[in-house]
Structures are given as structure tokens and as C-alpha cells.
Amino acid sequence: MFDVKTKSMQWGEETLTLETGKVARQADGTVIATLGETSVMANVTFAKEPKPGQDFFPLTVHYQEKY
């Protein structure tokens, strides 16, 4: 059902885990990075074709901190 891919590596004394394919499946790309008790989710969406006449790369960052 889900094509989940997980990679883990040692980062200092903690384990860094990168996981994709489980959440935010409507996005073009999503990665959840976990280090210790901290997790970050990064999502990417894009148009298949560039807009005519657009000479810049629009970027939006949405940051939300949760405890």
C-alpha cells in the first residue's frame, strides 16, 4: 500500500532517521527527519510546466513549532 523508504545513520551519539512515502502523499516529495526526540517534516510541491514569462523562482516557507 505505502512505498515507505527509511534510511538511518549515526550522527554523533544520536541516530538520524530519514523516512519518505508514509505521510503527505499528495505532495511531490516529503521527508521526515528524526534525530533523538526532534522531528522535522519537509514537503515539496511543484508545477509540471513553468509559467510563461516568470523569471524568478517563488519559494514559500511555513514554519510551525510544536511541543
C-alpha atoms as a PDB file:
ATOM      1  CA  MET A   1       0.000   0.000   0.000  1.00  0.00           C
ATOM      2  CA  PHE A   2       2.694   2.518   1.021  1.00  0.00           C
ATOM      3  CA  ASP A   3       6.136   2.602  -0.594  1.00  0.00           C
ATOM      4  CA  VAL A   4       7.963   3.569   2.610  1.00  0.00           C
ATOM      5  CA  LYS A   5      11.714   4.080   2.425  1.00  0.00           C
ATOM      6  CA  THR A   6      13.773   4.555   5.592  1.00  0.00           C
ATOM      7  CA  LYS A   7      17.483   5.247   5.991  1.00  0.00           C
ATOM      8  CA  SER A   8      19.283   5.586   9.323  1.00  0.00           C
ATOM      9  CA  MET A   9      22.802   6.668  10.194  1.00  0.00           C
ATOM     10  CA  GLN A  10      24.777   7.523  13.289  1.00  0.00           C
ATOM     11  CA  TRP A  11      25.133  11.292  13.882  1.00  0.00           C
ATOM     12  CA  GLY A  12      27.363  11.846  16.892  1.00  0.00           C
ATOM     13  CA  GLU A  13      25.726   9.999  19.768  1.00  0.00           C
ATOM     14  CA  GLU A  14      22.246  10.060  18.150  1.00  0.00           C
ATOM     15  CA  THR A  15      20.650   8.143  15.284  1.00  0.00           C
ATOM     16  CA  LEU A  16      19.451  10.227  12.327  1.00  0.00           C
ATOM     17  CA  THR A  17      16.499   8.641  10.509  1.00  0.00           C
ATOM     18  CA  LEU A  18      15.134   9.825   7.139  1.00  0.00           C
ATOM     19  CA  GLU A  19      11.737   8.439   6.087  1.00  0.00           C
ATOM     20  CA  THR A  20       9.641   9.020   2.976  1.00  0.00           C
ATOM     21  CA  GLY A  21       6.498   7.543   1.416  1.00  0.00           C
ATOM     22  CA  LYS A  22       4.294   7.272   4.509  1.00  0.00           C
ATOM     23  CA  VAL A  23       2.764  10.729   5.061  1.00  0.00           C
ATOM     24  CA  ALA A  24       1.817  13.730   2.868  1.00  0.00           C
ATOM     25  CA  ARG A  25       1.451  11.523  -0.176  1.00  0.00           C
ATOM     26  CA  GLN A  26      -0.242  14.287  -2.198  1.00  0.00           C
ATOM     27  CA  ALA A  27       2.995  16.305  -2.132  1.00  0.00           C
ATOM     28  CA  ASP A  28       5.541  15.686  -4.882  1.00  0.00           C
ATOM     29  CA  GLY A  29       8.148  14.881  -2.233  1.00  0.00           C
ATOM     30  CA  THR A  30       8.151  14.537   1.556  1.00  0.00           C
ATOM     31  CA  VAL A  31      10.856  13.577   4.046  1.00  0.00           C
ATOM     32  CA  ILE A  32      10.613  13.233   7.813  1.00  0.00           C
ATOM     33  CA  ALA A  33      13.986  13.615   9.513  1.00  0.00           C
ATOM     34  CA  THR A  34      14.239  12.423  13.122  1.00  0.00           C
ATOM     35  CA  LEU A  35      17.213  12.982  15.419  1.00  0.00           C
ATOM     36  CA  GLY A  36      16.686  11.915  19.015  1.00  0.00           C
ATOM     37  CA  GLU A  37      13.330  13.361  20.120  1.00  0.00           C
ATOM     38  CA  THR A  38      13.231  16.026  17.375  1.00  0.00           C
ATOM     39  CA  SER A  39      11.439  15.524  14.050  1.00  0.00           C
ATOM     40  CA  VAL A  40      11.228  17.794  11.009  1.00  0.00           C
ATOM     41  CA  MET A  41       8.905  17.247   8.038  1.00  0.00           C
ATOM     42  CA  ALA A  42       9.875  18.850   4.708  1.00  0.00           C
ATOM     43  CA  ASN A  43       7.383  18.881   1.810  1.00  0.00           C
ATOM     44  CA  VAL A  44       7.891  19.907  -1.813  1.00  0.00           C
ATOM     45  CA  THR A  45       5.255  20.567  -4.467  1.00  0.00           C
ATOM     46  CA  PHE A  46       5.794  21.889  -7.972  1.00  0.00           C
ATOM     47  CA  ALA A  47       4.025  22.539 -11.246  1.00  0.00           C
ATOM     48  CA  LYS A  48       4.788  20.177 -14.100  1.00  0.00           C
ATOM     49  CA  GLU A  49       5.375  23.079 -16.513  1.00  0.00           C
ATOM     50  CA  PRO A  50       6.873  26.533 -15.756  1.00  0.00           C
ATOM     51  CA  LYS A  51       4.631  29.581 -16.037  1.00  0.00           C
ATOM     52  CA  PRO A  52       5.338  31.611 -19.192  1.00  0.00           C
ATOM     53  CA  GLY A  53       7.178  34.875 -18.545  1.00  0.00           C
ATOM     54  CA  GLN A  54       8.154  34.000 -14.970  1.00  0.00           C
ATOM     55  CA  ASP A  55      11.805  34.946 -14.456  1.00  0.00           C
ATOM     56  CA  PHE A  56      12.158  34.098 -10.756  1.00  0.00           C
ATOM     57  CA  PHE A  57      11.807  31.069  -8.501  1.00  0.00           C
ATOM     58  CA  PRO A  58       9.000  31.587  -5.954  1.00  0.00           C
ATOM     59  CA  LEU A  59       9.660  29.976  -2.579  1.00  0.00           C
ATOM     60  CA  THR A  60       7.350  29.812   0.419  1.00  0.00           C
ATOM     61  CA  VAL A  61       8.459  28.627   3.862  1.00  0.00           C
ATOM     62  CA  HIS A  62       5.894  27.707   6.505  1.00  0.00           C
ATOM     63  CA  TYR A  63       7.373  27.095   9.956  1.00  0.00           C
ATOM     64  CA  GLN A  64       5.291  25.698  12.795  1.00  0.00           C
ATOM     65  CA  GLU A  65       6.813  24.689  16.121  1.00  0.00           C
ATOM     66  CA  LYS A  66       5.031  22.138  18.298  1.00  0.00           C
ATOM     67  CA  TYR A  67       5.882  20.839  21.749  1.00  0.00           C
END
